[in-house]
């Protein structure tokens, strides 16, 4: 096998991988999961947890 054949096979595998990911991402089964993930930044309770297991009010008081 020469380098042209190897590059052709690698290109074919890359296209196959891309199409597989595209089909997976756009399949109807994952719509609800992706819609939920898209809303996460807009939710109030989606913030990062307080440091060291403290409650939210304790973490706020420690910062002051």
PDB file of N, CA and C in Angstrom:
ATOM      1  N   UNK A   1       0.845  -1.185   0.000  1.00  0.00           N
ATOM      2  CA  UNK A   1       0.000   0.000   0.000  1.00  0.00           C
ATOM      3  C   UNK A   1       0.889   1.246   0.000  1.00  0.00           C
ATOM      4  N   UNK A   2       0.556   2.158  -0.857  1.00  0.00           N
ATOM      5  CA  UNK A   2       1.302   3.404  -0.866  1.00  0.00           C
ATOM      6  C   UNK A   2       0.578   4.447  -0.003  1.00  0.00           C
ATOM      7  N   UNK A   3       1.194   5.610   0.176  1.00  0.00           N
ATOM      8  CA  UNK A   3       0.632   6.655   1.049  1.00  0.00           C
ATOM      9  C   UNK A   3      -0.703   7.180   0.544  1.00  0.00           C
ATOM     10  N   UNK A   4      -0.917   7.201  -0.749  1.00  0.00           N
ATOM     11  CA  UNK A   4      -2.199   7.655  -1.296  1.00  0.00           C
ATOM     12  C   UNK A   4      -3.350   6.771  -0.855  1.00  0.00           C
ATOM     13  N   UNK A   5      -3.127   5.476  -0.834  1.00  0.00           N
ATOM     14  CA  UNK A   5      -4.153   4.530  -0.394  1.00  0.00           C
ATOM     15  C   UNK A   5      -4.431   4.698   1.095  1.00  0.00           C
ATOM     16  N   UNK A   6      -3.379   4.846   1.881  1.00  0.00           N
ATOM     17  CA  UNK A   6      -3.536   5.029   3.328  1.00  0.00           C
ATOM     18  C   UNK A   6      -4.309   6.320   3.605  1.00  0.00           C
ATOM     19  N   UNK A   7      -3.970   7.388   2.910  1.00  0.00           N
ATOM     20  CA  UNK A   7      -4.679   8.658   3.100  1.00  0.00           C
ATOM     21  C   UNK A   7      -6.141   8.542   2.665  1.00  0.00           C
ATOM     22  N   UNK A   8      -6.400   7.811   1.607  1.00  0.00           N
ATOM     23  CA  UNK A   8      -7.773   7.600   1.158  1.00  0.00           C
ATOM     24  C   UNK A   8      -8.599   6.844   2.176  1.00  0.00           C
ATOM     25  N   UNK A   9      -8.008   5.805   2.746  1.00  0.00           N
ATOM     26  CA  UNK A   9      -8.700   5.027   3.789  1.00  0.00           C
ATOM     27  C   UNK A   9      -8.938   5.901   5.018  1.00  0.00           C
ATOM     28  N   UNK A  10      -7.938   6.689   5.418  1.00  0.00           N
ATOM     29  CA  UNK A  10      -8.092   7.567   6.584  1.00  0.00           C
ATOM     30  C   UNK A  10      -9.174   8.602   6.337  1.00  0.00           C
ATOM     31  N   UNK A  11      -9.229   9.150   5.137  1.00  0.00           N
ATOM     32  CA  UNK A  11     -10.271  10.123   4.804  1.00  0.00           C
ATOM     33  C   UNK A  11     -11.651   9.472   4.843  1.00  0.00           C
ATOM     34  N   UNK A  12     -11.759   8.286   4.305  1.00  0.00           N
ATOM     35  CA  UNK A  12     -13.026   7.559   4.343  1.00  0.00           C
ATOM     36  C   UNK A  12     -13.491   7.277   5.759  1.00  0.00           C
ATOM     37  N   UNK A  13     -12.549   6.878   6.620  1.00  0.00           N
ATOM     38  CA  UNK A  13     -12.899   6.620   8.027  1.00  0.00           C
ATOM     39  C   UNK A  13     -13.299   7.903   8.741  1.00  0.00           C
ATOM     40  N   UNK A  14     -12.642   9.021   8.420  1.00  0.00           N
ATOM     41  CA  UNK A  14     -12.995  10.301   9.039  1.00  0.00           C
ATOM     42  C   UNK A  14     -14.392  10.737   8.611  1.00  0.00           C
ATOM     43  N   UNK A  15     -14.716  10.553   7.343  1.00  0.00           N
ATOM     44  CA  UNK A  15     -16.061  10.900   6.863  1.00  0.00           C
ATOM     45  C   UNK A  15     -17.102  10.006   7.525  1.00  0.00           C
ATOM     46  N   UNK A  16     -16.813   8.739   7.651  1.00  0.00           N
ATOM     47  CA  UNK A  16     -17.729   7.808   8.313  1.00  0.00           C
ATOM     48  C   UNK A  16     -17.943   8.188   9.775  1.00  0.00           C
ATOM     49  N   UNK A  17     -16.876   8.556  10.468  1.00  0.00           N
ATOM     50  CA  UNK A  17     -16.993   8.976  11.872  1.00  0.00           C
ATOM     51  C   UNK A  17     -17.824  10.258  11.976  1.00  0.00           C
ATOM     52  N   UNK A  18     -17.580  11.211  11.086  1.00  0.00           N
ATOM     53  CA  UNK A  18     -18.340  12.461  11.103  1.00  0.00           C
ATOM     54  C   UNK A  18     -19.821  12.197  10.876  1.00  0.00           C
ATOM     55  N   UNK A  19     -20.142  11.385   9.876  1.00  0.00           N
ATOM     56  CA  UNK A  19     -21.547  11.083   9.593  1.00  0.00           C
ATOM     57  C   UNK A  19     -22.200  10.323  10.740  1.00  0.00           C
ATOM     58  N   UNK A  20     -21.449   9.448  11.400  1.00  0.00           N
ATOM     59  CA  UNK A  20     -21.998   8.719  12.551  1.00  0.00           C
ATOM     60  C   UNK A  20     -22.346   9.659  13.687  1.00  0.00           C
ATOM     61  N   UNK A  21     -21.464  10.606  13.988  1.00  0.00           N
ATOM     62  CA  UNK A  21     -21.736  11.576  15.049  1.00  0.00           C
ATOM     63  C   UNK A  21     -22.902  12.474  14.657  1.00  0.00           C
ATOM     64  N   UNK A  22     -22.976  12.857  13.409  1.00  0.00           N
ATOM     65  CA  UNK A  22     -24.066  13.721  12.928  1.00  0.00           C
ATOM     66  C   UNK A  22     -25.410  13.006  13.080  1.00  0.00           C
ATOM     67  N   UNK A  23     -25.479  11.742  12.672  1.00  0.00           N
ATOM     68  CA  UNK A  23     -26.723  10.979  12.804  1.00  0.00           C
ATOM     69  C   UNK A  23     -27.084  10.813  14.274  1.00  0.00           C
ATOM     70  N   UNK A  24     -26.091  10.546  15.126  1.00  0.00           N
ATOM     71  CA  UNK A  24     -26.349  10.374  16.559  1.00  0.00           C
ATOM     72  C   UNK A  24     -26.908  11.666  17.162  1.00  0.00           C
ATOM     73  N   UNK A  25     -26.303  12.801  16.809  1.00  0.00           N
ATOM     74  CA  UNK A  25     -26.711  14.072  17.406  1.00  0.00           C
ATOM     75  C   UNK A  25     -28.088  14.516  16.925  1.00  0.00           C
ATOM     76  N   UNK A  26     -28.444  14.226  15.700  1.00  0.00           N
ATOM     77  CA  UNK A  26     -29.715  14.688  15.150  1.00  0.00           C
ATOM     78  C   UNK A  26     -30.819  13.645  15.235  1.00  0.00           C
ATOM     79  N   UNK A  27     -30.577  12.522  15.886  1.00  0.00           N
ATOM     80  CA  UNK A  27     -31.634  11.518  16.008  1.00  0.00           C
ATOM     81  C   UNK A  27     -32.715  12.029  16.952  1.00  0.00           C
ATOM     82  N   UNK A  28     -33.929  11.641  16.710  1.00  0.00           N
ATOM     83  CA  UNK A  28     -35.062  12.108  17.496  1.00  0.00           C
ATOM     84  C   UNK A  28     -35.047  11.656  18.940  1.00  0.00           C
ATOM     85  N   UNK A  29     -34.368  10.566  19.233  1.00  0.00           N
ATOM     86  CA  UNK A  29     -34.336  10.033  20.596  1.00  0.00           C
ATOM     87  C   UNK A  29     -33.642  10.977  21.570  1.00  0.00           C
ATOM     88  N   UNK A  30     -32.718  11.788  21.097  1.00  0.00           N
ATOM     89  CA  UNK A  30     -31.924  12.633  21.976  1.00  0.00           C
ATOM     90  C   UNK A  30     -32.428  14.062  22.059  1.00  0.00           C
ATOM     91  N   UNK A  31     -33.530  14.370  21.407  1.00  0.00           N
ATOM     92  CA  UNK A  31     -34.044  15.737  21.388  1.00  0.00           C
ATOM     93  C   UNK A  31     -34.324  16.255  22.798  1.00  0.00           C
ATOM     94  N   UNK A  32     -34.995  15.467  23.623  1.00  0.00           N
ATOM     95  CA  UNK A  32     -35.330  15.915  24.978  1.00  0.00           C
ATOM     96  C   UNK A  32     -34.061  16.144  25.804  1.00  0.00           C
ATOM     97  N   UNK A  33     -33.084  15.288  25.671  1.00  0.00           N
ATOM     98  CA  UNK A  33     -31.830  15.437  26.409  1.00  0.00           C
ATOM     99  C   UNK A  33     -31.111  16.709  26.014  1.00  0.00           C
ATOM    100  N   UNK A  34     -31.027  16.980  24.722  1.00  0.00           N
ATOM    101  CA  UNK A  34     -30.334  18.174  24.245  1.00  0.00           C
ATOM    102  C   UNK A  34     -31.105  19.440  24.588  1.00  0.00           C
ATOM    103  N   UNK A  35     -32.447  19.396  24.551  1.00  0.00           N
ATOM    104  CA  UNK A  35     -33.233  20.572  24.936  1.00  0.00           C
ATOM    105  C   UNK A  35     -33.046  20.882  26.420  1.00  0.00           C
ATOM    106  N   UNK A  36     -32.985  19.847  27.236  1.00  0.00           N
ATOM    107  CA  UNK A  36     -32.748  20.052  28.667  1.00  0.00           C
ATOM    108  C   UNK A  36     -31.353  20.656  28.892  1.00  0.00           C
ATOM    109  N   UNK A  37     -30.359  20.135  28.205  1.00  0.00           N
ATOM    110  CA  UNK A  37     -28.993  20.656  28.340  1.00  0.00           C
ATOM    111  C   UNK A  37     -28.906  22.105  27.860  1.00  0.00           C
ATOM    112  N   UNK A  38     -29.686  22.466  26.860  1.00  0.00           N
ATOM    113  CA  UNK A  38     -29.666  23.833  26.348  1.00  0.00           C
ATOM    114  C   UNK A  38     -30.281  24.809  27.351  1.00  0.00           C
ATOM    115  N   UNK A  39     -31.210  24.338  28.186  1.00  0.00           N
ATOM    116  CA  UNK A  39     -31.848  25.205  29.174  1.00  0.00           C
ATOM    117  C   UNK A  39     -31.055  25.335  30.474  1.00  0.00           C
ATOM    118  N   UNK A  40     -30.089  24.476  30.719  1.00  0.00           N
ATOM    119  CA  UNK A  40     -29.343  24.486  31.977  1.00  0.00           C
ATOM    120  C   UNK A  40     -28.726  25.838  32.327  1.00  0.00           C
ATOM    121  N   UNK A  41     -28.102  26.563  31.409  1.00  0.00           N
ATOM    122  CA  UNK A  41     -27.507  27.852  31.789  1.00  0.00           C
ATOM    123  C   UNK A  41     -28.542  28.898  32.214  1.00  0.00           C
ATOM    124  N   UNK A  42     -29.798  28.707  31.842  1.00  0.00           N
ATOM    125  CA  UNK A  42     -30.837  29.683  32.156  1.00  0.00           C
ATOM    126  C   UNK A  42     -31.533  29.400  33.488  1.00  0.00           C
ATOM    127  N   UNK A  43     -31.314  28.237  34.050  1.00  0.00           N
ATOM    128  CA  UNK A  43     -31.969  27.870  35.303  1.00  0.00           C
ATOM    129  C   UNK A  43     -31.216  28.451  36.491  1.00  0.00           C
ATOM    130  N   UNK A  44     -31.959  28.878  37.515  1.00  0.00           N
ATOM    131  CA  UNK A  44     -31.328  29.446  38.710  1.00  0.00           C
ATOM    132  C   UNK A  44     -30.615  28.382  39.532  1.00  0.00           C
ATOM    133  N   UNK A  45     -31.156  27.197  39.577  1.00  0.00           N
ATOM    134  CA  UNK A  45     -30.579  26.145  40.413  1.00  0.00           C
ATOM    135  C   UNK A  45     -29.430  25.425  39.722  1.00  0.00           C
ATOM    136  N   UNK A  46     -29.054  25.860  38.542  1.00  0.00           N
ATOM    137  CA  UNK A  46     -27.967  25.230  37.815  1.00  0.00           C
ATOM    138  C   UNK A  46     -26.606  25.807  38.170  1.00  0.00           C
ATOM    139  N   UNK A  47     -26.531  26.655  39.215  1.00  0.00           N
ATOM    140  CA  UNK A  47     -25.260  27.272  39.582  1.00  0.00           C
ATOM    141  C   UNK A  47     -24.335  26.243  40.226  1.00  0.00           C
ATOM    142  N   UNK A  48     -23.090  26.611  40.363  1.00  0.00           N
ATOM    143  CA  UNK A  48     -22.124  25.697  40.961  1.00  0.00           C
ATOM    144  C   UNK A  48     -22.394  25.563  42.457  1.00  0.00           C
ATOM    145  N   UNK A  49     -22.136  24.411  43.013  1.00  0.00           N
ATOM    146  CA  UNK A  49     -22.394  24.216  44.444  1.00  0.00           C
ATOM    147  C   UNK A  49     -21.410  25.020  45.291  1.00  0.00           C
ATOM    148  N   UNK A  50     -21.797  25.356  46.521  1.00  0.00           N
ATOM    149  CA  UNK A  50     -20.896  26.098  47.412  1.00  0.00           C
ATOM    150  C   UNK A  50     -19.630  25.300  47.707  1.00  0.00           C
ATOM    151  N   UNK A  51     -18.584  26.009  48.041  1.00  0.00           N
ATOM    152  CA  UNK A  51     -17.301  25.363  48.303  1.00  0.00           C
ATOM    153  C   UNK A  51     -17.321  24.602  49.619  1.00  0.00           C
ATOM    154  N   UNK A  52     -16.640  23.494  49.669  1.00  0.00           N
ATOM    155  CA  UNK A  52     -16.399  22.694  50.885  1.00  0.00           C
ATOM    156  C   UNK A  52     -17.681  22.232  51.558  1.00  0.00           C
ATOM    157  N   UNK A  53     -18.741  22.009  50.813  1.00  0.00           N
ATOM    158  CA  UNK A  53     -19.960  21.454  51.378  1.00  0.00           C
ATOM    159  C   UNK A  53     -20.763  22.427  52.221  1.00  0.00           C
ATOM    160  N   UNK A  54     -20.430  23.712  52.229  1.00  0.00           N
ATOM    161  CA  UNK A  54     -21.177  24.691  53.005  1.00  0.00           C
ATOM    162  C   UNK A  54     -22.495  24.995  52.310  1.00  0.00           C
ATOM    163  N   UNK A  55     -23.464  25.466  53.080  1.00  0.00           N
ATOM    164  CA  UNK A  55     -24.727  25.856  52.468  1.00  0.00           C
ATOM    165  C   UNK A  55     -24.532  27.161  51.716  1.00  0.00           C
ATOM    166  N   UNK A  56     -25.506  27.553  50.923  1.00  0.00           N
ATOM    167  CA  UNK A  56     -25.389  28.750  50.107  1.00  0.00           C
ATOM    168  C   UNK A  56     -25.227  29.996  50.982  1.00  0.00           C
ATOM    169  N   UNK A  57     -25.962  30.108  52.092  1.00  0.00           N
ATOM    170  CA  UNK A  57     -25.846  31.300  52.940  1.00  0.00           C
ATOM    171  C   UNK A  57     -24.500  31.334  53.645  1.00  0.00           C
ATOM    172  N   UNK A  58     -24.002  30.161  54.083  1.00  0.00           N
ATOM    173  CA  UNK A  58     -22.683  30.132  54.726  1.00  0.00           C
ATOM    174  C   UNK A  58     -21.593  30.522  53.753  1.00  0.00           C
ATOM    175  N   UNK A  59     -21.697  30.077  52.512  1.00  0.00           N
ATOM    176  CA  UNK A  59     -20.692  30.405  51.501  1.00  0.00           C
ATOM    177  C   UNK A  59     -20.714  31.905  51.203  1.00  0.00           C
ATOM    178  N   UNK A  60     -21.914  32.494  51.172  1.00  0.00           N
ATOM    179  CA  UNK A  60     -22.032  33.934  50.901  1.00  0.00           C
ATOM    180  C   UNK A  60     -21.455  34.735  52.058  1.00  0.00           C
ATOM    181  N   UNK A  61     -21.722  34.309  53.291  1.00  0.00           N
ATOM    182  CA  UNK A  61     -21.205  35.039  54.470  1.00  0.00           C
ATOM    183  C   UNK A  61     -19.690  34.946  54.559  1.00  0.00           C
ATOM    184  N   UNK A  62     -19.121  33.801  54.158  1.00  0.00           N
ATOM    185  CA  UNK A  62     -17.663  33.653  54.196  1.00  0.00           C
ATOM    186  C   UNK A  62     -16.961  34.581  53.217  1.00  0.00           C
ATOM    187  N   UNK A  63     -17.620  34.889  52.100  1.00  0.00           N
ATOM    188  CA  UNK A  63     -17.015  35.755  51.091  1.00  0.00           C
ATOM    189  C   UNK A  63     -16.992  37.216  51.531  1.00  0.00           C
ATOM    190  N   UNK A  64     -17.859  37.585  52.457  1.00  0.00           N
ATOM    191  CA  UNK A  64     -17.940  38.995  52.874  1.00  0.00           C
ATOM    192  C   UNK A  64     -16.842  39.344  53.775  1.00  0.00           C
TER     193      UNK A  64
END
